[in-house]
């Protein structure tokens, strides 16, 4: 009967007869305390030089698998964000002569040439990327609890609803689809900066994320400010009697929305990139002393041969 022992690629004999035991290398024979020949030779107490515990190696392998899962979710999220930007940039260039990026909202681009297809693909890619980022952050322990989870869910659901129910044309008759679209925007727009405030607190107490807490907080504050300006301009359009400069403010509705979306995209990219690079600050894998046949030195004394 044989057992695999730790990270050392060899077998430790438990009960074989001497004739059946594999031949030991000079490295094993010279240092039985580092390379035990049987289970009885394994050091009992902690702190022995060369000791490798099977449980430590198992934990290390589990940690590596968890890191690979997080990187997979981060990669899917970043790809989704890039896939959301490309068709929107193309749509802005294609419809530059038809719609004004200062006055018209992003949703108005569905009425441009190929606008519906490009807008839908952009919004759905952003929703998929956001869902993947949420899963990865939850795997890393940052997204937990009902408030933060609900904010990300509403953000993703609102983007999907905005695709299913397109907005009304500027100056046209308001429809049920347009009303649902506007209410979905009202619901999901504030969710990401609110989630950012909660994530900034989590980053402060999560090893490896502390250096991102300030960036996440600043982007969340900026997004909230721009979103408030956007809401103010929208209010001036719906209730011109309340705003004395309504005819001026309405010309910058699209600009305010684009700045808000740009800040939100920056926040998503920061979170995705940090999730990709992040590794838990746990103990390093146990070091295994090299055999003198490979290094030309004594693994205990360190002297040259």
C-alpha atoms as a PDB file:
ATOM      1  CA  UNK A   1       0.000   0.000   0.000  1.00  0.00           C
ATOM      2  CA  UNK A   2       1.340   3.406  -0.922  1.00  0.00           C
ATOM      3  CA  UNK A   3       0.329   7.002  -0.221  1.00  0.00           C
ATOM      4  CA  UNK A   4       1.142  10.196  -2.085  1.00  0.00           C
ATOM      5  CA  UNK A   5       2.922  12.414   0.428  1.00  0.00           C
ATOM      6  CA  UNK A   6       2.390  16.142   0.122  1.00  0.00           C
ATOM      7  CA  UNK A   7       3.837  18.127  -2.756  1.00  0.00           C
ATOM      8  CA  UNK A   8       6.914  15.839  -3.022  1.00  0.00           C
ATOM      9  CA  UNK A   9       6.485  13.707  -6.110  1.00  0.00           C
ATOM     10  CA  UNK A  10       7.319  10.345  -4.533  1.00  0.00           C
ATOM     11  CA  UNK A  11       5.713   7.604  -2.494  1.00  0.00           C
ATOM     12  CA  UNK A  12       5.996   6.883   1.191  1.00  0.00           C
ATOM     13  CA  UNK A  13       5.878   3.226   2.027  1.00  0.00           C
ATOM     14  CA  UNK A  14       3.534   2.263   4.835  1.00  0.00           C
ATOM     15  CA  UNK A  15       3.765  -1.507   5.102  1.00  0.00           C
ATOM     16  CA  UNK A  16       5.632  -3.089   2.180  1.00  0.00           C
ATOM     17  CA  UNK A  17       8.331  -5.681   2.749  1.00  0.00           C
ATOM     18  CA  UNK A  18      11.879  -4.490   2.292  1.00  0.00           C
ATOM     19  CA  UNK A  19      12.192  -6.352  -0.987  1.00  0.00           C
ATOM     20  CA  UNK A  20       9.251  -4.487  -2.477  1.00  0.00           C
ATOM     21  CA  UNK A  21      10.246  -1.020  -1.283  1.00  0.00           C
ATOM     22  CA  UNK A  22      11.460   1.342  -4.034  1.00  0.00           C
ATOM     23  CA  UNK A  23      15.103   2.231  -4.126  1.00  0.00           C
ATOM     24  CA  UNK A  24      15.848   5.386  -2.128  1.00  0.00           C
ATOM     25  CA  UNK A  25      17.908   8.137  -3.652  1.00  0.00           C
ATOM     26  CA  UNK A  26      21.062   9.466  -1.931  1.00  0.00           C
ATOM     27  CA  UNK A  27      19.047  12.547  -1.018  1.00  0.00           C
ATOM     28  CA  UNK A  28      16.556  10.391   0.912  1.00  0.00           C
ATOM     29  CA  UNK A  29      19.271   8.336   2.606  1.00  0.00           C
ATOM     30  CA  UNK A  30      21.280  11.341   3.801  1.00  0.00           C
ATOM     31  CA  UNK A  31      18.304  13.213   5.236  1.00  0.00           C
ATOM     32  CA  UNK A  32      15.708  10.813   6.667  1.00  0.00           C
ATOM     33  CA  UNK A  33      14.176  13.633   8.708  1.00  0.00           C
ATOM     34  CA  UNK A  34      13.335  15.539   5.501  1.00  0.00           C
ATOM     35  CA  UNK A  35      12.552  12.589   3.230  1.00  0.00           C
ATOM     36  CA  UNK A  36      11.039   9.886   5.501  1.00  0.00           C
ATOM     37  CA  UNK A  37      11.086   6.318   4.316  1.00  0.00           C
ATOM     38  CA  UNK A  38       7.953   5.279   6.210  1.00  0.00           C
ATOM     39  CA  UNK A  39       5.039   6.792   8.036  1.00  0.00           C
ATOM     40  CA  UNK A  40       6.895   6.329  11.287  1.00  0.00           C
ATOM     41  CA  UNK A  41       9.620   8.712  10.102  1.00  0.00           C
ATOM     42  CA  UNK A  42       7.243  11.631   9.535  1.00  0.00           C
ATOM     43  CA  UNK A  43       7.949  14.372  12.096  1.00  0.00           C
ATOM     44  CA  UNK A  44       5.274  14.724  14.727  1.00  0.00           C
ATOM     45  CA  UNK A  45       5.712  18.283  15.947  1.00  0.00           C
ATOM     46  CA  UNK A  46       5.370  21.534  14.019  1.00  0.00           C
ATOM     47  CA  UNK A  47       8.349  23.539  12.906  1.00  0.00           C
ATOM     48  CA  UNK A  48      10.505  20.610  11.731  1.00  0.00           C
ATOM     49  CA  UNK A  49      12.541  21.563   8.709  1.00  0.00           C
ATOM     50  CA  UNK A  50      11.196  20.060   5.498  1.00  0.00           C
ATOM     51  CA  UNK A  51       7.832  19.085   7.024  1.00  0.00           C
ATOM     52  CA  UNK A  52       4.990  19.047   4.461  1.00  0.00           C
ATOM     53  CA  UNK A  53       1.457  18.336   5.613  1.00  0.00           C
ATOM     54  CA  UNK A  54      -1.056  16.657   3.328  1.00  0.00           C
ATOM     55  CA  UNK A  55      -3.804  18.949   4.628  1.00  0.00           C
ATOM     56  CA  UNK A  56      -1.784  22.038   3.701  1.00  0.00           C
ATOM     57  CA  UNK A  57      -1.317  20.821   0.154  1.00  0.00           C
ATOM     58  CA  UNK A  58      -5.023  19.995  -0.118  1.00  0.00           C
ATOM     59  CA  UNK A  59      -5.921  23.493   1.054  1.00  0.00           C
ATOM     60  CA  UNK A  60      -3.475  24.944  -1.442  1.00  0.00           C
ATOM     61  CA  UNK A  61      -5.057  22.996  -4.297  1.00  0.00           C
ATOM     62  CA  UNK A  62      -8.537  24.134  -3.237  1.00  0.00           C
ATOM     63  CA  UNK A  63      -7.344  27.724  -3.128  1.00  0.00           C
ATOM     64  CA  UNK A  64      -5.895  27.416  -6.623  1.00  0.00           C
ATOM     65  CA  UNK A  65      -9.199  26.076  -7.957  1.00  0.00           C
ATOM     66  CA  UNK A  66     -11.112  28.927  -6.309  1.00  0.00           C
ATOM     67  CA  UNK A  67      -8.718  31.475  -7.818  1.00  0.00           C
ATOM     68  CA  UNK A  68      -9.198  29.949 -11.271  1.00  0.00           C
ATOM     69  CA  UNK A  69     -12.982  30.213 -10.885  1.00  0.00           C
ATOM     70  CA  UNK A  70     -12.713  33.859  -9.877  1.00  0.00           C
ATOM     71  CA  UNK A  71     -10.453  34.587 -12.822  1.00  0.00           C
ATOM     72  CA  UNK A  72     -12.898  32.889 -15.156  1.00  0.00           C
ATOM     73  CA  UNK A  73     -15.765  35.071 -13.925  1.00  0.00           C
ATOM     74  CA  UNK A  74     -13.550  38.157 -14.131  1.00  0.00           C
ATOM     75  CA  UNK A  75     -12.551  37.319 -17.714  1.00  0.00           C
ATOM     76  CA  UNK A  76     -16.178  36.818 -18.770  1.00  0.00           C
ATOM     77  CA  UNK A  77     -17.107  40.108 -17.098  1.00  0.00           C
ATOM     78  CA  UNK A  78     -14.350  42.115 -18.803  1.00  0.00           C
ATOM     79  CA  UNK A  79     -15.174  40.574 -22.182  1.00  0.00           C
ATOM     80  CA  UNK A  80     -18.828  41.492 -21.629  1.00  0.00           C
ATOM     81  CA  UNK A  81     -17.924  45.104 -20.818  1.00  0.00           C
ATOM     82  CA  UNK A  82     -15.766  45.422 -23.929  1.00  0.00           C
ATOM     83  CA  UNK A  83     -18.520  43.826 -26.019  1.00  0.00           C
ATOM     84  CA  UNK A  84     -20.944  46.410 -24.616  1.00  0.00           C
ATOM     85  CA  UNK A  85     -18.713  49.358 -25.537  1.00  0.00           C
ATOM     86  CA  UNK A  86     -17.802  48.426 -29.103  1.00  0.00           C
ATOM     87  CA  UNK A  87     -21.293  48.432 -30.686  1.00  0.00           C
ATOM     88  CA  UNK A  88     -22.228  51.587 -28.786  1.00  0.00           C
ATOM     89  CA  UNK A  89     -19.150  53.434 -30.034  1.00  0.00           C
ATOM     90  CA  UNK A  90     -19.897  52.295 -33.582  1.00  0.00           C
ATOM     91  CA  UNK A  91     -23.519  53.369 -33.229  1.00  0.00           C
ATOM     92  CA  UNK A  92     -22.484  56.844 -32.104  1.00  0.00           C
ATOM     93  CA  UNK A  93     -20.178  57.193 -35.094  1.00  0.00           C
ATOM     94  CA  UNK A  94     -22.753  55.815 -37.517  1.00  0.00           C
ATOM     95  CA  UNK A  95     -25.621  58.016 -36.292  1.00  0.00           C
ATOM     96  CA  UNK A  96     -23.556  61.124 -35.685  1.00  0.00           C
ATOM     97  CA  UNK A  97     -25.502  63.108 -38.281  1.00  0.00           C
ATOM     98  CA  UNK A  98     -28.925  61.943 -37.071  1.00  0.00           C
ATOM     99  CA  UNK A  99     -28.738  62.276 -33.284  1.00  0.00           C
ATOM    100  CA  UNK A 100     -26.843  64.593 -30.960  1.00  0.00           C
ATOM    101  CA  UNK A 101     -24.803  62.970 -28.174  1.00  0.00           C
ATOM    102  CA  UNK A 102     -25.353  66.122 -26.122  1.00  0.00           C
ATOM    103  CA  UNK A 103     -29.140  66.180 -26.271  1.00  0.00           C
ATOM    104  CA  UNK A 104     -30.356  62.659 -27.089  1.00  0.00           C
ATOM    105  CA  UNK A 105     -30.104  59.824 -24.618  1.00  0.00           C
ATOM    106  CA  UNK A 106     -28.424  56.526 -25.414  1.00  0.00           C
ATOM    107  CA  UNK A 107     -31.806  54.826 -25.700  1.00  0.00           C
ATOM    108  CA  UNK A 108     -32.770  57.185 -28.541  1.00  0.00           C
ATOM    109  CA  UNK A 109     -30.194  55.486 -30.738  1.00  0.00           C
ATOM    110  CA  UNK A 110     -32.566  52.561 -31.281  1.00  0.00           C
ATOM    111  CA  UNK A 111     -34.208  54.731 -33.953  1.00  0.00           C
ATOM    112  CA  UNK A 112     -30.961  55.124 -35.895  1.00  0.00           C
ATOM    113  CA  UNK A 113     -29.875  52.789 -38.693  1.00  0.00           C
ATOM    114  CA  UNK A 114     -29.280  49.318 -37.177  1.00  0.00           C
ATOM    115  CA  UNK A 115     -29.832  51.008 -33.823  1.00  0.00           C
ATOM    116  CA  UNK A 116     -32.078  48.363 -32.313  1.00  0.00           C
ATOM    117  CA  UNK A 117     -29.662  45.504 -32.999  1.00  0.00           C
ATOM    118  CA  UNK A 118     -26.602  47.379 -31.775  1.00  0.00           C
ATOM    119  CA  UNK A 119     -28.298  48.850 -28.707  1.00  0.00           C
ATOM    120  CA  UNK A 120     -29.747  45.485 -27.678  1.00  0.00           C
ATOM    121  CA  UNK A 121     -26.435  43.672 -28.069  1.00  0.00           C
ATOM    122  CA  UNK A 122     -24.666  46.379 -26.066  1.00  0.00           C
ATOM    123  CA  UNK A 123     -27.157  46.365 -23.193  1.00  0.00           C
ATOM    124  CA  UNK A 124     -27.318  42.555 -23.023  1.00  0.00           C
ATOM    125  CA  UNK A 125     -23.510  42.271 -23.053  1.00  0.00           C
ATOM    126  CA  UNK A 126     -23.351  44.746 -20.191  1.00  0.00           C
ATOM    127  CA  UNK A 127     -25.959  42.749 -18.265  1.00  0.00           C
ATOM    128  CA  UNK A 128     -24.086  39.464 -18.807  1.00  0.00           C
ATOM    129  CA  UNK A 129     -20.780  41.034 -17.831  1.00  0.00           C
ATOM    130  CA  UNK A 130     -22.317  42.550 -14.707  1.00  0.00           C
ATOM    131  CA  UNK A 131     -23.850  39.221 -13.710  1.00  0.00           C
ATOM    132  CA  UNK A 132     -20.484  37.489 -14.172  1.00  0.00           C
ATOM    133  CA  UNK A 133     -18.757  40.167 -12.109  1.00  0.00           C
ATOM    134  CA  UNK A 134     -21.352  39.764  -9.353  1.00  0.00           C
ATOM    135  CA  UNK A 135     -20.758  36.008  -9.273  1.00  0.00           C
ATOM    136  CA  UNK A 136     -17.001  36.469  -9.101  1.00  0.00           C
ATOM    137  CA  UNK A 137     -17.239  39.067  -6.340  1.00  0.00           C
ATOM    138  CA  UNK A 138     -19.575  36.765  -4.421  1.00  0.00           C
ATOM    139  CA  UNK A 139     -17.036  33.948  -4.823  1.00  0.00           C
ATOM    140  CA  UNK A 140     -14.383  36.292  -3.426  1.00  0.00           C
ATOM    141  CA  UNK A 141     -16.590  37.144  -0.439  1.00  0.00           C
ATOM    142  CA  UNK A 142     -17.223  40.798  -1.325  1.00  0.00           C
ATOM    143  CA  UNK A 143     -20.816  40.453  -2.482  1.00  0.00           C
ATOM    144  CA  UNK A 144     -22.798  38.900   0.332  1.00  0.00           C
ATOM    145  CA  UNK A 145     -25.970  39.796   2.128  1.00  0.00           C
ATOM    146  CA  UNK A 146     -29.322  40.901   0.752  1.00  0.00           C
ATOM    147  CA  UNK A 147     -28.713  44.653   0.116  1.00  0.00           C
ATOM    148  CA  UNK A 148     -25.631  44.314  -2.067  1.00  0.00           C
ATOM    149  CA  UNK A 149     -26.943  41.265  -3.905  1.00  0.00           C
ATOM    150  CA  UNK A 150     -30.283  42.974  -4.579  1.00  0.00           C
ATOM    151  CA  UNK A 151     -28.569  46.080  -5.978  1.00  0.00           C
ATOM    152  CA  UNK A 152     -26.610  44.052  -8.527  1.00  0.00           C
ATOM    153  CA  UNK A 153     -29.676  42.002  -9.430  1.00  0.00           C
ATOM    154  CA  UNK A 154     -31.772  45.118 -10.050  1.00  0.00           C
ATOM    155  CA  UNK A 155     -28.950  46.595 -12.136  1.00  0.00           C
ATOM    156  CA  UNK A 156     -28.801  43.500 -14.365  1.00  0.00           C
ATOM    157  CA  UNK A 157     -32.584  43.124 -14.559  1.00  0.00           C
ATOM    158  CA  UNK A 158     -33.053  46.813 -15.422  1.00  0.00           C
ATOM    159  CA  UNK A 159     -30.651  46.535 -18.351  1.00  0.00           C
ATOM    160  CA  UNK A 160     -32.569  43.525 -19.645  1.00  0.00           C
ATOM    161  CA  UNK A 161     -35.930  45.264 -19.270  1.00  0.00           C
ATOM    162  CA  UNK A 162     -34.587  48.300 -21.141  1.00  0.00           C
ATOM    163  CA  UNK A 163     -33.920  45.959 -24.074  1.00  0.00           C
ATOM    164  CA  UNK A 164     -37.315  44.263 -23.947  1.00  0.00           C
ATOM    165  CA  UNK A 165     -39.216  47.568 -23.747  1.00  0.00           C
ATOM    166  CA  UNK A 166     -37.674  50.237 -26.027  1.00  0.00           C
ATOM    167  CA  UNK A 167     -38.151  53.923 -25.377  1.00  0.00           C
ATOM    168  CA  UNK A 168     -40.468  56.289 -27.269  1.00  0.00           C
ATOM    169  CA  UNK A 169     -39.230  58.591 -30.047  1.00  0.00           C
ATOM    170  CA  UNK A 170     -38.369  62.138 -29.049  1.00  0.00           C
ATOM    171  CA  UNK A 171     -41.516  64.240 -29.369  1.00  0.00           C
ATOM    172  CA  UNK A 172     -43.673  61.184 -30.098  1.00  0.00           C
ATOM    173  CA  UNK A 173     -46.660  59.740 -28.308  1.00  0.00           C
ATOM    174  CA  UNK A 174     -45.817  58.039 -25.039  1.00  0.00           C
ATOM    175  CA  UNK A 175     -46.528  54.315 -25.001  1.00  0.00           C
ATOM    176  CA  UNK A 176     -46.605  51.588 -22.371  1.00  0.00           C
ATOM    177  CA  UNK A 177     -43.261  50.264 -23.611  1.00  0.00           C
ATOM    178  CA  UNK A 178     -41.687  53.700 -23.242  1.00  0.00           C
ATOM    179  CA  UNK A 179     -43.102  54.117 -19.744  1.00  0.00           C
ATOM    180  CA  UNK A 180     -41.712  50.742 -18.638  1.00  0.00           C
ATOM    181  CA  UNK A 181     -38.372  51.666 -20.173  1.00  0.00           C
ATOM    182  CA  UNK A 182     -38.207  54.938 -18.247  1.00  0.00           C
ATOM    183  CA  UNK A 183     -39.221  53.343 -14.951  1.00  0.00           C
ATOM    184  CA  UNK A 184     -36.627  50.602 -15.438  1.00  0.00           C
ATOM    185  CA  UNK A 185     -33.977  53.293 -15.943  1.00  0.00           C
ATOM    186  CA  UNK A 186     -35.120  55.072 -12.789  1.00  0.00           C
ATOM    187  CA  UNK A 187     -34.761  51.820 -10.863  1.00  0.00           C
ATOM    188  CA  UNK A 188     -31.420  50.494 -12.140  1.00  0.00           C
ATOM    189  CA  UNK A 189     -29.444  53.704 -12.690  1.00  0.00           C
ATOM    190  CA  UNK A 190     -28.809  54.410  -8.961  1.00  0.00           C
ATOM    191  CA  UNK A 191     -28.089  50.765  -8.113  1.00  0.00           C
ATOM    192  CA  UNK A 192     -24.471  50.616  -9.267  1.00  0.00           C
ATOM    193  CA  UNK A 193     -23.197  53.694  -7.342  1.00  0.00           C
ATOM    194  CA  UNK A 194     -25.090  52.508  -4.258  1.00  0.00           C
ATOM    195  CA  UNK A 195     -23.445  49.102  -4.604  1.00  0.00           C
ATOM    196  CA  UNK A 196     -20.123  50.897  -5.002  1.00  0.00           C
ATOM    197  CA  UNK A 197     -20.493  52.579  -1.620  1.00  0.00           C
ATOM    198  CA  UNK A 198     -21.085  49.212   0.049  1.00  0.00           C
ATOM    199  CA  UNK A 199     -18.243  47.577  -1.870  1.00  0.00           C
ATOM    200  CA  UNK A 200     -15.842  50.333  -0.814  1.00  0.00           C
ATOM    201  CA  UNK A 201     -16.425  49.362   2.819  1.00  0.00           C
ATOM    202  CA  UNK A 202     -15.912  45.680   2.011  1.00  0.00           C
ATOM    203  CA  UNK A 203     -12.681  46.477   0.155  1.00  0.00           C
ATOM    204  CA  UNK A 204     -11.276  48.183   3.246  1.00  0.00           C
ATOM    205  CA  UNK A 205     -11.488  44.966   5.284  1.00  0.00           C
ATOM    206  CA  UNK A 206     -10.656  42.457   2.520  1.00  0.00           C
ATOM    207  CA  UNK A 207      -6.953  41.584   2.140  1.00  0.00           C
ATOM    208  CA  UNK A 208      -5.728  42.463  -1.325  1.00  0.00           C
ATOM    209  CA  UNK A 209      -8.556  44.923  -1.997  1.00  0.00           C
ATOM    210  CA  UNK A 210      -7.588  47.729   0.402  1.00  0.00           C
ATOM    211  CA  UNK A 211      -5.790  49.728  -2.292  1.00  0.00           C
ATOM    212  CA  UNK A 212      -8.994  49.770  -4.407  1.00  0.00           C
ATOM    213  CA  UNK A 213     -11.320  51.041  -1.685  1.00  0.00           C
ATOM    214  CA  UNK A 214     -10.546  54.705  -2.399  1.00  0.00           C
ATOM    215  CA  UNK A 215     -10.972  54.312  -6.170  1.00  0.00           C
ATOM    216  CA  UNK A 216     -14.295  52.514  -5.791  1.00  0.00           C
ATOM    217  CA  UNK A 217     -15.524  55.163  -3.370  1.00  0.00           C
ATOM    218  CA  UNK A 218     -14.476  58.105  -5.581  1.00  0.00           C
ATOM    219  CA  UNK A 219     -16.104  56.607  -8.677  1.00  0.00           C
ATOM    220  CA  UNK A 220     -19.295  55.942  -6.709  1.00  0.00           C
ATOM    221  CA  UNK A 221     -19.408  59.530  -5.466  1.00  0.00           C
ATOM    222  CA  UNK A 222     -18.801  60.910  -8.961  1.00  0.00           C
ATOM    223  CA  UNK A 223     -21.472  58.665 -10.449  1.00  0.00           C
ATOM    224  CA  UNK A 224     -23.974  59.830  -7.816  1.00  0.00           C
ATOM    225  CA  UNK A 225     -23.256  63.502  -8.536  1.00  0.00           C
ATOM    226  CA  UNK A 226     -23.603  63.122 -12.311  1.00  0.00           C
ATOM    227  CA  UNK A 227     -26.732  61.019 -11.875  1.00  0.00           C
ATOM    228  CA  UNK A 228     -28.250  63.773  -9.729  1.00  0.00           C
ATOM    229  CA  UNK A 229     -27.552  66.297 -12.490  1.00  0.00           C
ATOM    230  CA  UNK A 230     -29.138  63.943 -15.032  1.00  0.00           C
ATOM    231  CA  UNK A 231     -32.230  63.585 -12.849  1.00  0.00           C
ATOM    232  CA  UNK A 232     -32.423  67.373 -12.452  1.00  0.00           C
ATOM    233  CA  UNK A 233     -32.353  67.889 -16.218  1.00  0.00           C
ATOM    234  CA  UNK A 234     -34.982  65.191 -16.691  1.00  0.00           C
ATOM    235  CA  UNK A 235     -37.170  66.905 -14.122  1.00  0.00           C
ATOM    236  CA  UNK A 236     -36.801  70.215 -15.940  1.00  0.00           C
ATOM    237  CA  UNK A 237     -38.057  68.550 -19.132  1.00  0.00           C
ATOM    238  CA  UNK A 238     -41.035  66.907 -17.446  1.00  0.00           C
ATOM    239  CA  UNK A 239     -41.897  69.956 -15.301  1.00  0.00           C
ATOM    240  CA  UNK A 240     -40.654  73.060 -17.108  1.00  0.00           C
ATOM    241  CA  UNK A 241     -42.632  75.298 -14.734  1.00  0.00           C
ATOM    242  CA  UNK A 242     -40.292  74.293 -11.891  1.00  0.00           C
ATOM    243  CA  UNK A 243     -37.032  75.099 -13.683  1.00  0.00           C
ATOM    244  CA  UNK A 244     -36.371  78.592 -15.048  1.00  0.00           C
ATOM    245  CA  UNK A 245     -33.563  77.401 -17.376  1.00  0.00           C
ATOM    246  CA  UNK A 246     -35.344  74.393 -18.798  1.00  0.00           C
ATOM    247  CA  UNK A 247     -34.677  75.352 -22.435  1.00  0.00           C
ATOM    248  CA  UNK A 248     -30.931  75.370 -21.707  1.00  0.00           C
ATOM    249  CA  UNK A 249     -30.692  72.312 -19.489  1.00  0.00           C
ATOM    250  CA  UNK A 250     -32.566  69.974 -21.812  1.00  0.00           C
ATOM    251  CA  UNK A 251     -29.837  70.358 -24.425  1.00  0.00           C
ATOM    252  CA  UNK A 252     -27.386  68.512 -22.143  1.00  0.00           C
ATOM    253  CA  UNK A 253     -29.509  65.558 -21.098  1.00  0.00           C
ATOM    254  CA  UNK A 254     -27.590  63.123 -23.299  1.00  0.00           C
ATOM    255  CA  UNK A 255     -24.223  64.444 -22.139  1.00  0.00           C
ATOM    256  CA  UNK A 256     -25.104  63.919 -18.474  1.00  0.00           C
ATOM    257  CA  UNK A 257     -26.272  60.360 -19.167  1.00  0.00           C
ATOM    258  CA  UNK A 258     -23.108  59.510 -21.090  1.00  0.00           C
ATOM    259  CA  UNK A 259     -20.881  60.826 -18.334  1.00  0.00           C
ATOM    260  CA  UNK A 260     -22.823  58.775 -15.782  1.00  0.00           C
ATOM    261  CA  UNK A 261     -22.508  55.651 -17.911  1.00  0.00           C
ATOM    262  CA  UNK A 262     -18.815  56.320 -18.468  1.00  0.00           C
ATOM    263  CA  UNK A 263     -18.170  56.536 -14.736  1.00  0.00           C
ATOM    264  CA  UNK A 264     -20.196  53.366 -14.166  1.00  0.00           C
ATOM    265  CA  UNK A 265     -18.209  51.526 -16.825  1.00  0.00           C
ATOM    266  CA  UNK A 266     -14.969  52.673 -15.198  1.00  0.00           C
ATOM    267  CA  UNK A 267     -16.198  51.301 -11.872  1.00  0.00           C
ATOM    268  CA  UNK A 268     -17.077  47.958 -13.457  1.00  0.00           C
ATOM    269  CA  UNK A 269     -13.699  47.693 -15.185  1.00  0.00           C
ATOM    270  CA  UNK A 270     -11.855  48.507 -11.939  1.00  0.00           C
ATOM    271  CA  UNK A 271     -13.744  45.783 -10.087  1.00  0.00           C
ATOM    272  CA  UNK A 272     -13.246  43.254 -12.885  1.00  0.00           C
ATOM    273  CA  UNK A 273      -9.517  43.932 -13.241  1.00  0.00           C
ATOM    274  CA  UNK A 274      -8.971  43.762  -9.481  1.00  0.00           C
ATOM    275  CA  UNK A 275     -10.886  40.484  -9.290  1.00  0.00           C
ATOM    276  CA  UNK A 276      -8.657  39.070 -12.034  1.00  0.00           C
ATOM    277  CA  UNK A 277      -5.425  40.008 -10.262  1.00  0.00           C
ATOM    278  CA  UNK A 278      -6.549  39.318  -6.714  1.00  0.00           C
ATOM    279  CA  UNK A 279      -5.175  36.333  -4.800  1.00  0.00           C
ATOM    280  CA  UNK A 280      -5.961  35.682  -1.120  1.00  0.00           C
ATOM    281  CA  UNK A 281      -3.129  36.649   1.196  1.00  0.00           C
ATOM    282  CA  UNK A 282      -2.683  33.207   2.692  1.00  0.00           C
ATOM    283  CA  UNK A 283       0.442  31.305   3.593  1.00  0.00           C
ATOM    284  CA  UNK A 284       2.761  30.379   0.787  1.00  0.00           C
ATOM    285  CA  UNK A 285       2.996  26.714  -0.188  1.00  0.00           C
ATOM    286  CA  UNK A 286       5.481  24.729   1.896  1.00  0.00           C
ATOM    287  CA  UNK A 287       9.001  24.790   0.557  1.00  0.00           C
ATOM    288  CA  UNK A 288      10.532  21.463  -0.356  1.00  0.00           C
ATOM    289  CA  UNK A 289      14.335  21.315  -0.082  1.00  0.00           C
ATOM    290  CA  UNK A 290      15.990  20.421  -3.345  1.00  0.00           C
ATOM    291  CA  UNK A 291      17.990  17.270  -3.738  1.00  0.00           C
ATOM    292  CA  UNK A 292      21.787  17.833  -3.864  1.00  0.00           C
ATOM    293  CA  UNK A 293      21.887  15.896  -7.123  1.00  0.00           C
ATOM    294  CA  UNK A 294      19.826  18.696  -8.727  1.00  0.00           C
ATOM    295  CA  UNK A 295      21.350  21.761  -7.039  1.00  0.00           C
ATOM    296  CA  UNK A 296      24.841  20.629  -6.217  1.00  0.00           C
ATOM    297  CA  UNK A 297      24.489  21.650  -2.562  1.00  0.00           C
ATOM    298  CA  UNK A 298      23.514  20.089   0.751  1.00  0.00           C
ATOM    299  CA  UNK A 299      19.793  20.763   1.487  1.00  0.00           C
ATOM    300  CA  UNK A 300      20.512  21.078   5.200  1.00  0.00           C
ATOM    301  CA  UNK A 301      23.916  22.603   5.465  1.00  0.00           C
ATOM    302  CA  UNK A 302      23.695  24.537   2.202  1.00  0.00           C
ATOM    303  CA  UNK A 303      27.345  23.743   1.373  1.00  0.00           C
ATOM    304  CA  UNK A 304      28.543  23.119  -2.129  1.00  0.00           C
ATOM    305  CA  UNK A 305      29.496  19.647  -3.179  1.00  0.00           C
END
